[in-house]
Amino acid sequence: MVGQNLRVLRERKGITQKTLAEAIDVKVAYISAMENGVRRPSVEQVAVFAKVLGCTTDEIILGTGLALELKQEREFFEKYRAATPEKREAARASLSGSEVRG
């Protein structure tokens, strides 16, 4: 869970594993292992992650606020997958700020 939270927060901030690894002076493989649940960050590392990612330690450890957001994202993608091609195109156009052709 900590690894998944870390990955979501990092990606939402637009930070690469390399940048995060450099910020806490570890190898990229270590960040990857944490995000995949193979390793667990220390308390000190969680505090640094929170600072670098601009979030709280609770968001990293407990996923505070993330569970609902992830559920909403899953629901959105399920609706998108079930939509007709026309509705998918309209959604893409809306998100990119383009007009729907046709």
PDB file of N, CA and C in Angstrom:
ATOM      1  N   MET A   1       0.826  -1.193   0.000  1.00  0.00           N
ATOM      2  CA  MET A   1       0.000   0.000   0.000  1.00  0.00           C
ATOM      3  C   MET A   1       0.873   1.261   0.000  1.00  0.00           C
ATOM      4  N   VAL A   2       1.911   1.286   0.819  1.00  0.00           N
ATOM      5  CA  VAL A   2       2.799   2.452   0.863  1.00  0.00           C
ATOM      6  C   VAL A   2       3.430   2.672  -0.508  1.00  0.00           C
ATOM      7  N   GLY A   3       3.873   1.588  -1.127  1.00  0.00           N
ATOM      8  CA  GLY A   3       4.495   1.695  -2.438  1.00  0.00           C
ATOM      9  C   GLY A   3       3.545   2.231  -3.489  1.00  0.00           C
ATOM     10  N   GLN A   4       2.308   1.739  -3.465  1.00  0.00           N
ATOM     11  CA  GLN A   4       1.308   2.215  -4.430  1.00  0.00           C
ATOM     12  C   GLN A   4       1.011   3.691  -4.195  1.00  0.00           C
ATOM     13  N   ASN A   5       0.874   4.076  -2.938  1.00  0.00           N
ATOM     14  CA  ASN A   5       0.626   5.487  -2.613  1.00  0.00           C
ATOM     15  C   ASN A   5       1.782   6.356  -3.087  1.00  0.00           C
ATOM     16  N   LEU A   6       2.983   5.881  -2.846  1.00  0.00           N
ATOM     17  CA  LEU A   6       4.171   6.619  -3.260  1.00  0.00           C
ATOM     18  C   LEU A   6       4.189   6.811  -4.775  1.00  0.00           C
ATOM     19  N   ARG A   7       3.888   5.748  -5.513  1.00  0.00           N
ATOM     20  CA  ARG A   7       3.878   5.827  -6.974  1.00  0.00           C
ATOM     21  C   ARG A   7       2.824   6.830  -7.458  1.00  0.00           C
ATOM     22  N   VAL A   8       1.617   6.737  -6.920  1.00  0.00           N
ATOM     23  CA  VAL A   8       0.536   7.634  -7.347  1.00  0.00           C
ATOM     24  C   VAL A   8       0.911   9.083  -7.072  1.00  0.00           C
ATOM     25  N   LEU A   9       1.401   9.357  -5.875  1.00  0.00           N
ATOM     26  CA  LEU A   9       1.771  10.729  -5.516  1.00  0.00           C
ATOM     27  C   LEU A   9       2.920  11.243  -6.377  1.00  0.00           C
ATOM     28  N   ARG A  10       3.890  10.388  -6.624  1.00  0.00           N
ATOM     29  CA  ARG A  10       5.037  10.784  -7.460  1.00  0.00           C
ATOM     30  C   ARG A  10       4.575  11.099  -8.881  1.00  0.00           C
ATOM     31  N   GLU A  11       3.764  10.209  -9.446  1.00  0.00           N
ATOM     32  CA  GLU A  11       3.307  10.417 -10.820  1.00  0.00           C
ATOM     33  C   GLU A  11       2.420  11.656 -10.930  1.00  0.00           C
ATOM     34  N   ARG A  12       1.578  11.885  -9.953  1.00  0.00           N
ATOM     35  CA  ARG A  12       0.710  13.065  -9.995  1.00  0.00           C
ATOM     36  C   ARG A  12       1.507  14.353  -9.908  1.00  0.00           C
ATOM     37  N   LYS A  13       2.644  14.292  -9.275  1.00  0.00           N
ATOM     38  CA  LYS A  13       3.503  15.468  -9.151  1.00  0.00           C
ATOM     39  C   LYS A  13       4.400  15.620 -10.377  1.00  0.00           C
ATOM     40  N   GLY A  14       4.422  14.585 -11.226  1.00  0.00           N
ATOM     41  CA  GLY A  14       5.245  14.645 -12.430  1.00  0.00           C
ATOM     42  C   GLY A  14       6.722  14.439 -12.157  1.00  0.00           C
ATOM     43  N   ILE A  15       7.018  13.727 -11.089  1.00  0.00           N
ATOM     44  CA  ILE A  15       8.408  13.481 -10.702  1.00  0.00           C
ATOM     45  C   ILE A  15       8.798  12.063 -11.119  1.00  0.00           C
ATOM     46  N   THR A  16       9.953  11.928 -11.727  1.00  0.00           N
ATOM     47  CA  THR A  16      10.429  10.613 -12.136  1.00  0.00           C
ATOM     48  C   THR A  16      11.021   9.859 -10.949  1.00  0.00           C
ATOM     49  N   GLN A  17      11.144   8.557 -11.122  1.00  0.00           N
ATOM     50  CA  GLN A  17      11.802   7.757 -10.084  1.00  0.00           C
ATOM     51  C   GLN A  17      13.233   8.243  -9.892  1.00  0.00           C
ATOM     52  N   LYS A  18      13.882   8.628 -10.975  1.00  0.00           N
ATOM     53  CA  LYS A  18      15.266   9.106 -10.898  1.00  0.00           C
ATOM     54  C   LYS A  18      15.366  10.370 -10.048  1.00  0.00           C
ATOM     55  N   THR A  19      14.471  11.318 -10.284  1.00  0.00           N
ATOM     56  CA  THR A  19      14.490  12.563  -9.513  1.00  0.00           C
ATOM     57  C   THR A  19      14.243  12.288  -8.036  1.00  0.00           C
ATOM     58  N   LEU A  20      13.290  11.412  -7.754  1.00  0.00           N
ATOM     59  CA  LEU A  20      12.991  11.073  -6.361  1.00  0.00           C
ATOM     60  C   LEU A  20      14.177  10.367  -5.716  1.00  0.00           C
ATOM     61  N   ALA A  21      14.795   9.459  -6.457  1.00  0.00           N
ATOM     62  CA  ALA A  21      15.964   8.739  -5.940  1.00  0.00           C
ATOM     63  C   ALA A  21      17.102   9.705  -5.611  1.00  0.00           C
ATOM     64  N   GLU A  22      17.326  10.667  -6.488  1.00  0.00           N
ATOM     65  CA  GLU A  22      18.382  11.655  -6.255  1.00  0.00           C
ATOM     66  C   GLU A  22      18.063  12.516  -5.024  1.00  0.00           C
ATOM     67  N   ALA A  23      16.793  12.829  -4.829  1.00  0.00           N
ATOM     68  CA  ALA A  23      16.396  13.683  -3.705  1.00  0.00           C
ATOM     69  C   ALA A  23      16.653  13.030  -2.355  1.00  0.00           C
ATOM     70  N   ILE A  24      16.587  11.706  -2.310  1.00  0.00           N
ATOM     71  CA  ILE A  24      16.831  11.044  -1.025  1.00  0.00           C
ATOM     72  C   ILE A  24      18.121  10.222  -1.031  1.00  0.00           C
ATOM     73  N   ASP A  25      18.912  10.384  -2.092  1.00  0.00           N
ATOM     74  CA  ASP A  25      20.233   9.762  -2.193  1.00  0.00           C
ATOM     75  C   ASP A  25      20.178   8.233  -2.142  1.00  0.00           C
ATOM     76  N   VAL A  26      19.314   7.676  -3.015  1.00  0.00           N
ATOM     77  CA  VAL A  26      19.255   6.219  -3.188  1.00  0.00           C
ATOM     78  C   VAL A  26      19.260   5.922  -4.684  1.00  0.00           C
ATOM     79  N   LYS A  27      19.365   4.650  -5.030  1.00  0.00           N
ATOM     80  CA  LYS A  27      19.338   4.253  -6.438  1.00  0.00           C
ATOM     81  C   LYS A  27      17.894   4.148  -6.932  1.00  0.00           C
ATOM     82  N   VAL A  28      17.733   4.326  -8.232  1.00  0.00           N
ATOM     83  CA  VAL A  28      16.411   4.230  -8.849  1.00  0.00           C
ATOM     84  C   VAL A  28      15.797   2.853  -8.578  1.00  0.00           C
ATOM     85  N   ALA A  29      16.622   1.826  -8.581  1.00  0.00           N
ATOM     86  CA  ALA A  29      16.127   0.469  -8.324  1.00  0.00           C
ATOM     87  C   ALA A  29      15.470   0.366  -6.944  1.00  0.00           C
ATOM     88  N   TYR A  30      15.968   1.141  -5.991  1.00  0.00           N
ATOM     89  CA  TYR A  30      15.394   1.133  -4.641  1.00  0.00           C
ATOM     90  C   TYR A  30      14.001   1.762  -4.658  1.00  0.00           C
ATOM     91  N   ILE A  31      13.834   2.857  -5.402  1.00  0.00           N
ATOM     92  CA  ILE A  31      12.515   3.492  -5.535  1.00  0.00           C
ATOM     93  C   ILE A  31      11.557   2.514  -6.187  1.00  0.00           C
ATOM     94  N   SER A  32      12.013   1.866  -7.244  1.00  0.00           N
ATOM     95  CA  SER A  32      11.186   0.887  -7.941  1.00  0.00           C
ATOM     96  C   SER A  32      10.775  -0.244  -7.001  1.00  0.00           C
ATOM     97  N   ALA A  33      11.721  -0.727  -6.226  1.00  0.00           N
ATOM     98  CA  ALA A  33      11.419  -1.816  -5.281  1.00  0.00           C
ATOM     99  C   ALA A  33      10.401  -1.372  -4.235  1.00  0.00           C
ATOM    100  N   MET A  34      10.486  -0.121  -3.779  1.00  0.00           N
ATOM    101  CA  MET A  34       9.505   0.386  -2.813  1.00  0.00           C
ATOM    102  C   MET A  34       8.130   0.484  -3.455  1.00  0.00           C
ATOM    103  N   GLU A  35       8.079   1.020  -4.665  1.00  0.00           N
ATOM    104  CA  GLU A  35       6.799   1.192  -5.345  1.00  0.00           C
ATOM    105  C   GLU A  35       6.148  -0.142  -5.679  1.00  0.00           C
ATOM    106  N   ASN A  36       6.950  -1.171  -5.853  1.00  0.00           N
ATOM    107  CA  ASN A  36       6.434  -2.507  -6.157  1.00  0.00           C
ATOM    108  C   ASN A  36       6.232  -3.373  -4.921  1.00  0.00           C
ATOM    109  N   GLY A  37       6.425  -2.788  -3.748  1.00  0.00           N
ATOM    110  CA  GLY A  37       6.168  -3.505  -2.502  1.00  0.00           C
ATOM    111  C   GLY A  37       7.251  -4.465  -2.065  1.00  0.00           C
ATOM    112  N   VAL A  38       8.399  -4.424  -2.731  1.00  0.00           N
ATOM    113  CA  VAL A  38       9.504  -5.311  -2.373  1.00  0.00           C
ATOM    114  C   VAL A  38      10.267  -4.767  -1.171  1.00  0.00           C
ATOM    115  N   ARG A  39      10.387  -3.448  -1.096  1.00  0.00           N
ATOM    116  CA  ARG A  39      11.067  -2.772   0.019  1.00  0.00           C
ATOM    117  C   ARG A  39      10.110  -1.796   0.659  1.00  0.00           C
ATOM    118  N   ARG A  40      10.393  -1.439   1.905  1.00  0.00           N
ATOM    119  CA  ARG A  40       9.587  -0.444   2.616  1.00  0.00           C
ATOM    120  C   ARG A  40      10.487   0.727   2.987  1.00  0.00           C
ATOM    121  N   PRO A  41      10.017   1.952   2.784  1.00  0.00           N
ATOM    122  CA  PRO A  41      10.839   3.112   3.138  1.00  0.00           C
ATOM    123  C   PRO A  41      10.930   3.275   4.652  1.00  0.00           C
ATOM    124  N   SER A  42      12.033   3.851   5.083  1.00  0.00           N
ATOM    125  CA  SER A  42      12.191   4.150   6.509  1.00  0.00           C
ATOM    126  C   SER A  42      11.337   5.371   6.853  1.00  0.00           C
ATOM    127  N   VAL A  43      11.160   5.616   8.122  1.00  0.00           N
ATOM    128  CA  VAL A  43      10.407   6.783   8.579  1.00  0.00           C
ATOM    129  C   VAL A  43      11.051   8.057   8.051  1.00  0.00           C
ATOM    130  N   GLU A  44      12.375   8.092   8.087  1.00  0.00           N
ATOM    131  CA  GLU A  44      13.093   9.268   7.603  1.00  0.00           C
ATOM    132  C   GLU A  44      12.857   9.475   6.113  1.00  0.00           C
ATOM    133  N   GLN A  45      12.871   8.383   5.344  1.00  0.00           N
ATOM    134  CA  GLN A  45      12.646   8.493   3.908  1.00  0.00           C
ATOM    135  C   GLN A  45      11.224   8.967   3.607  1.00  0.00           C
ATOM    136  N   VAL A  46      10.248   8.476   4.366  1.00  0.00           N
ATOM    137  CA  VAL A  46       8.862   8.913   4.163  1.00  0.00           C
ATOM    138  C   VAL A  46       8.758  10.421   4.369  1.00  0.00           C
ATOM    139  N   ALA A  47       9.440  10.937   5.388  1.00  0.00           N
ATOM    140  CA  ALA A  47       9.418  12.378   5.650  1.00  0.00           C
ATOM    141  C   ALA A  47      10.030  13.153   4.479  1.00  0.00           C
ATOM    142  N   VAL A  48      11.118  12.635   3.920  1.00  0.00           N
ATOM    143  CA  VAL A  48      11.749  13.298   2.770  1.00  0.00           C
ATOM    144  C   VAL A  48      10.842  13.193   1.545  1.00  0.00           C
ATOM    145  N   PHE A  49      10.247  12.023   1.333  1.00  0.00           N
ATOM    146  CA  PHE A  49       9.312  11.863   0.224  1.00  0.00           C
ATOM    147  C   PHE A  49       8.193  12.896   0.319  1.00  0.00           C
ATOM    148  N   ALA A  50       7.643  13.037   1.508  1.00  0.00           N
ATOM    149  CA  ALA A  50       6.543  13.986   1.707  1.00  0.00           C
ATOM    150  C   ALA A  50       6.977  15.401   1.341  1.00  0.00           C
ATOM    151  N   LYS A  51       8.178  15.766   1.746  1.00  0.00           N
ATOM    152  CA  LYS A  51       8.685  17.104   1.431  1.00  0.00           C
ATOM    153  C   LYS A  51       8.868  17.278  -0.075  1.00  0.00           C
ATOM    154  N   VAL A  52       9.486  16.288  -0.714  1.00  0.00           N
ATOM    155  CA  VAL A  52       9.754  16.361  -2.148  1.00  0.00           C
ATOM    156  C   VAL A  52       8.447  16.350  -2.951  1.00  0.00           C
ATOM    157  N   LEU A  53       7.483  15.545  -2.505  1.00  0.00           N
ATOM    158  CA  LEU A  53       6.225  15.394  -3.243  1.00  0.00           C
ATOM    159  C   LEU A  53       5.169  16.426  -2.847  1.00  0.00           C
ATOM    160  N   GLY A  54       5.466  17.220  -1.823  1.00  0.00           N
ATOM    161  CA  GLY A  54       4.517  18.244  -1.402  1.00  0.00           C
ATOM    162  C   GLY A  54       3.236  17.657  -0.831  1.00  0.00           C
ATOM    163  N   CYS A  55       3.381  16.607  -0.036  1.00  0.00           N
ATOM    164  CA  CYS A  55       2.218  15.964   0.560  1.00  0.00           C
ATOM    165  C   CYS A  55       2.517  15.673   2.031  1.00  0.00           C
ATOM    166  N   THR A  56       1.590  15.027   2.698  1.00  0.00           N
ATOM    167  CA  THR A  56       1.813  14.661   4.101  1.00  0.00           C
ATOM    168  C   THR A  56       2.314  13.223   4.178  1.00  0.00           C
ATOM    169  N   THR A  57       2.908  12.898   5.311  1.00  0.00           N
ATOM    170  CA  THR A  57       3.334  11.512   5.521  1.00  0.00           C
ATOM    171  C   THR A  57       2.122  10.587   5.588  1.00  0.00           C
ATOM    172  N   ASP A  58       0.997  11.087   6.079  1.00  0.00           N
ATOM    173  CA  ASP A  58      -0.233  10.286   6.107  1.00  0.00           C
ATOM    174  C   ASP A  58      -0.667   9.884   4.700  1.00  0.00           C
ATOM    175  N   GLU A  59      -0.504  10.788   3.748  1.00  0.00           N
ATOM    176  CA  GLU A  59      -0.879  10.460   2.369  1.00  0.00           C
ATOM    177  C   GLU A  59      -0.020   9.327   1.831  1.00  0.00           C
ATOM    178  N   ILE A  60       1.245   9.299   2.215  1.00  0.00           N
ATOM    179  CA  ILE A  60       2.142   8.236   1.756  1.00  0.00           C
ATOM    180  C   ILE A  60       1.855   6.935   2.502  1.00  0.00           C
ATOM    181  N   ILE A  61       1.758   7.000   3.808  1.00  0.00           N
ATOM    182  CA  ILE A  61       1.603   5.792   4.614  1.00  0.00           C
ATOM    183  C   ILE A  61       0.186   5.236   4.567  1.00  0.00           C
ATOM    184  N   LEU A  62      -0.803   6.109   4.756  1.00  0.00           N
ATOM    185  CA  LEU A  62      -2.189   5.669   4.869  1.00  0.00           C
ATOM    186  C   LEU A  62      -2.982   5.821   3.582  1.00  0.00           C
ATOM    187  N   GLY A  63      -2.450   6.599   2.663  1.00  0.00           N
ATOM    188  CA  GLY A  63      -3.186   6.853   1.428  1.00  0.00           C
ATOM    189  C   GLY A  63      -4.355   7.791   1.645  1.00  0.00           C
ATOM    190  N   THR A  64      -4.263   8.618   2.676  1.00  0.00           N
ATOM    191  CA  THR A  64      -5.335   9.546   2.996  1.00  0.00           C
ATOM    192  C   THR A  64      -5.750  10.320   1.757  1.00  0.00           C
ATOM    193  N   GLY A  65      -7.011  10.194   1.390  1.00  0.00           N
ATOM    194  CA  GLY A  65      -7.536  10.897   0.232  1.00  0.00           C
ATOM    195  C   GLY A  65      -7.306  10.189  -1.090  1.00  0.00           C
ATOM    196  N   LEU A  66      -6.365   9.273  -1.139  1.00  0.00           N
ATOM    197  CA  LEU A  66      -6.046   8.614  -2.407  1.00  0.00           C
ATOM    198  C   LEU A  66      -7.040   7.517  -2.762  1.00  0.00           C
ATOM    199  N   ALA A  67      -7.560   6.811  -1.772  1.00  0.00           N
ATOM    200  CA  ALA A  67      -8.464   5.697  -2.055  1.00  0.00           C
ATOM    201  C   ALA A  67      -9.687   6.166  -2.838  1.00  0.00           C
ATOM    202  N   LEU A  68     -10.282   7.266  -2.416  1.00  0.00           N
ATOM    203  CA  LEU A  68     -11.454   7.780  -3.111  1.00  0.00           C
ATOM    204  C   LEU A  68     -11.093   8.228  -4.520  1.00  0.00           C
ATOM    205  N   GLU A  69      -9.969   8.921  -4.662  1.00  0.00           N
ATOM    206  CA  GLU A  69      -9.543   9.373  -5.982  1.00  0.00           C
ATOM    207  C   GLU A  69      -9.292   8.191  -6.916  1.00  0.00           C
ATOM    208  N   LEU A  70      -8.637   7.151  -6.410  1.00  0.00           N
ATOM    209  CA  LEU A  70      -8.357   5.978  -7.239  1.00  0.00           C
ATOM    210  C   LEU A  70      -9.650   5.276  -7.633  1.00  0.00           C
ATOM    211  N   LYS A  71     -10.605   5.208  -6.718  1.00  0.00           N
ATOM    212  CA  LYS A  71     -11.905   4.594  -7.017  1.00  0.00           C
ATOM    213  C   LYS A  71     -12.616   5.385  -8.111  1.00  0.00           C
ATOM    214  N   GLN A  72     -12.593   6.707  -7.996  1.00  0.00           N
ATOM    215  CA  GLN A  72     -13.241   7.548  -8.998  1.00  0.00           C
ATOM    216  C   GLN A  72     -12.563   7.390 -10.360  1.00  0.00           C
ATOM    217  N   GLU A  73     -11.237   7.280 -10.369  1.00  0.00           N
ATOM    218  CA  GLU A  73     -10.519   7.086 -11.627  1.00  0.00           C
ATOM    219  C   GLU A  73     -10.882   5.744 -12.256  1.00  0.00           C
ATOM    220  N   ARG A  74     -10.949   4.693 -11.444  1.00  0.00           N
ATOM    221  CA  ARG A  74     -11.329   3.372 -11.962  1.00  0.00           C
ATOM    222  C   ARG A  74     -12.730   3.412 -12.561  1.00  0.00           C
ATOM    223  N   GLU A  75     -13.660   4.056 -11.853  1.00  0.00           N
ATOM    224  CA  GLU A  75     -15.032   4.161 -12.354  1.00  0.00           C
ATOM    225  C   GLU A  75     -15.071   4.923 -13.678  1.00  0.00           C
ATOM    226  N   PHE A  76     -14.298   5.992 -13.775  1.00  0.00           N
ATOM    227  CA  PHE A  76     -14.242   6.766 -15.011  1.00  0.00           C
ATOM    228  C   PHE A  76     -13.745   5.897 -16.166  1.00  0.00           C
ATOM    229  N   PHE A  77     -12.662   5.164 -15.942  1.00  0.00           N
ATOM    230  CA  PHE A  77     -12.100   4.345 -17.014  1.00  0.00           C
ATOM    231  C   PHE A  77     -13.027   3.198 -17.393  1.00  0.00           C
ATOM    232  N   GLU A  78     -13.755   2.653 -16.428  1.00  0.00           N
ATOM    233  CA  GLU A  78     -14.728   1.604 -16.749  1.00  0.00           C
ATOM    234  C   GLU A  78     -15.832   2.163 -17.642  1.00  0.00           C
ATOM    235  N   LYS A  79     -16.315   3.364 -17.327  1.00  0.00           N
ATOM    236  CA  LYS A  79     -17.348   3.996 -18.158  1.00  0.00           C
ATOM    237  C   LYS A  79     -16.780   4.316 -19.541  1.00  0.00           C
ATOM    238  N   TYR A  80     -15.543   4.775 -19.582  1.00  0.00           N
ATOM    239  CA  TYR A  80     -14.904   5.105 -20.854  1.00  0.00           C
ATOM    240  C   TYR A  80     -14.792   3.854 -21.733  1.00  0.00           C
ATOM    241  N   ARG A  81     -14.333   2.744 -21.149  1.00  0.00           N
ATOM    242  CA  ARG A  81     -14.183   1.510 -21.907  1.00  0.00           C
ATOM    243  C   ARG A  81     -15.524   1.012 -22.457  1.00  0.00           C
ATOM    244  N   ALA A  82     -16.602   1.234 -21.712  1.00  0.00           N
ATOM    245  CA  ALA A  82     -17.930   0.772 -22.122  1.00  0.00           C
ATOM    246  C   ALA A  82     -18.609   1.719 -23.118  1.00  0.00           C
ATOM    247  N   ALA A  83     -18.054   2.886 -23.304  1.00  0.00           N
ATOM    248  CA  ALA A  83     -18.676   3.902 -24.170  1.00  0.00           C
ATOM    249  C   ALA A  83     -18.526   3.549 -25.642  1.00  0.00           C
ATOM    250  N   THR A  84     -19.409   4.128 -26.439  1.00  0.00           N
ATOM    251  CA  THR A  84     -19.320   3.966 -27.890  1.00  0.00           C
ATOM    252  C   THR A  84     -18.092   4.718 -28.393  1.00  0.00           C
ATOM    253  N   PRO A  85     -17.622   4.370 -29.585  1.00  0.00           N
ATOM    254  CA  PRO A  85     -16.472   5.095 -30.148  1.00  0.00           C
ATOM    255  C   PRO A  85     -16.728   6.598 -30.249  1.00  0.00           C
ATOM    256  N   GLU A  86     -17.955   6.980 -30.559  1.00  0.00           N
ATOM    257  CA  GLU A  86     -18.284   8.401 -30.670  1.00  0.00           C
ATOM    258  C   GLU A  86     -18.148   9.114 -29.328  1.00  0.00           C
ATOM    259  N   LYS A  87     -18.630   8.457 -28.281  1.00  0.00           N
ATOM    260  CA  LYS A  87     -18.536   9.063 -26.943  1.00  0.00           C
ATOM    261  C   LYS A  87     -17.085   9.120 -26.475  1.00  0.00           C
ATOM    262  N   ARG A  88     -16.301   8.107 -26.840  1.00  0.00           N
ATOM    263  CA  ARG A  88     -14.877   8.132 -26.484  1.00  0.00           C
ATOM    264  C   ARG A  88     -14.179   9.306 -27.165  1.00  0.00           C
ATOM    265  N   GLU A  89     -14.479   9.496 -28.449  1.00  0.00           N
ATOM    266  CA  GLU A  89     -13.875  10.602 -29.194  1.00  0.00           C
ATOM    267  C   GLU A  89     -14.276  11.938 -28.581  1.00  0.00           C
ATOM    268  N   ALA A  90     -15.542  12.066 -28.188  1.00  0.00           N
ATOM    269  CA  ALA A  90     -16.012  13.306 -27.568  1.00  0.00           C
ATOM    270  C   ALA A  90     -15.298  13.544 -26.245  1.00  0.00           C
ATOM    271  N   ALA A  91     -15.086  12.486 -25.486  1.00  0.00           N
ATOM    272  CA  ALA A  91     -14.371  12.617 -24.207  1.00  0.00           C
ATOM    273  C   ALA A  91     -12.928  13.039 -24.453  1.00  0.00           C
ATOM    274  N   ARG A  92     -12.263  12.417 -25.408  1.00  0.00           N
ATOM    275  CA  ARG A  92     -10.871  12.785 -25.727  1.00  0.00           C
ATOM    276  C   ARG A  92     -10.792  14.237 -26.170  1.00  0.00           C
ATOM    277  N   ALA A  93     -11.721  14.634 -27.025  1.00  0.00           N
ATOM    278  CA  ALA A  93     -11.721  16.007 -27.521  1.00  0.00           C
ATOM    279  C   ALA A  93     -11.955  16.994 -26.383  1.00  0.00           C
ATOM    280  N   SER A  94     -12.864  16.654 -25.497  1.00  0.00           N
ATOM    281  CA  SER A  94     -13.163  17.529 -24.358  1.00  0.00           C
ATOM    282  C   SER A  94     -11.938  17.695 -23.464  1.00  0.00           C
ATOM    283  N   LEU A  95     -11.247  16.599 -23.203  1.00  0.00           N
ATOM    284  CA  LEU A  95     -10.077  16.652 -22.325  1.00  0.00           C
ATOM    285  C   LEU A  95      -8.889  17.359 -22.968  1.00  0.00           C
ATOM    286  N   SER A  96      -8.806  17.299 -24.289  1.00  0.00           N
ATOM    287  CA  SER A  96      -7.684  17.953 -24.956  1.00  0.00           C
ATOM    288  C   SER A  96      -8.006  19.375 -25.368  1.00  0.00           C
ATOM    289  N   GLY A  97      -9.269  19.775 -25.187  1.00  0.00           N
ATOM    290  CA  GLY A  97      -9.667  21.142 -25.541  1.00  0.00           C
ATOM    291  C   GLY A  97      -9.982  21.303 -27.006  1.00  0.00           C
ATOM    292  N   SER A  98     -10.109  20.183 -27.735  1.00  0.00           N
ATOM    293  CA  SER A  98     -10.416  20.225 -29.159  1.00  0.00           C
ATOM    294  C   SER A  98     -11.918  20.089 -29.371  1.00  0.00           C
ATOM    295  N   GLU A  99     -12.324  20.427 -30.571  1.00  0.00           N
ATOM    296  CA  GLU A  99     -13.715  20.220 -30.933  1.00  0.00           C
ATOM    297  C   GLU A  99     -13.858  18.846 -31.554  1.00  0.00           C
ATOM    298  N   VAL A 100     -15.032  18.252 -31.374  1.00  0.00           N
ATOM    299  CA  VAL A 100     -15.302  16.951 -31.970  1.00  0.00           C
ATOM    300  C   VAL A 100     -15.586  17.139 -33.448  1.00  0.00           C
ATOM    301  N   ARG A 101     -14.910  16.342 -34.276  1.00  0.00           N
ATOM    302  CA  ARG A 101     -15.141  16.406 -35.720  1.00  0.00           C
ATOM    303  C   ARG A 101     -16.367  15.589 -36.074  1.00  0.00           C
ATOM    304  N   GLY A 102     -17.057  16.006 -37.112  1.00  0.00           N
ATOM    305  CA  GLY A 102     -18.154  15.183 -37.576  1.00  0.00           C
ATOM    306  C   GLY A 102     -19.320  15.985 -37.786  1.00  0.00           C
TER     307      GLY A 102
END
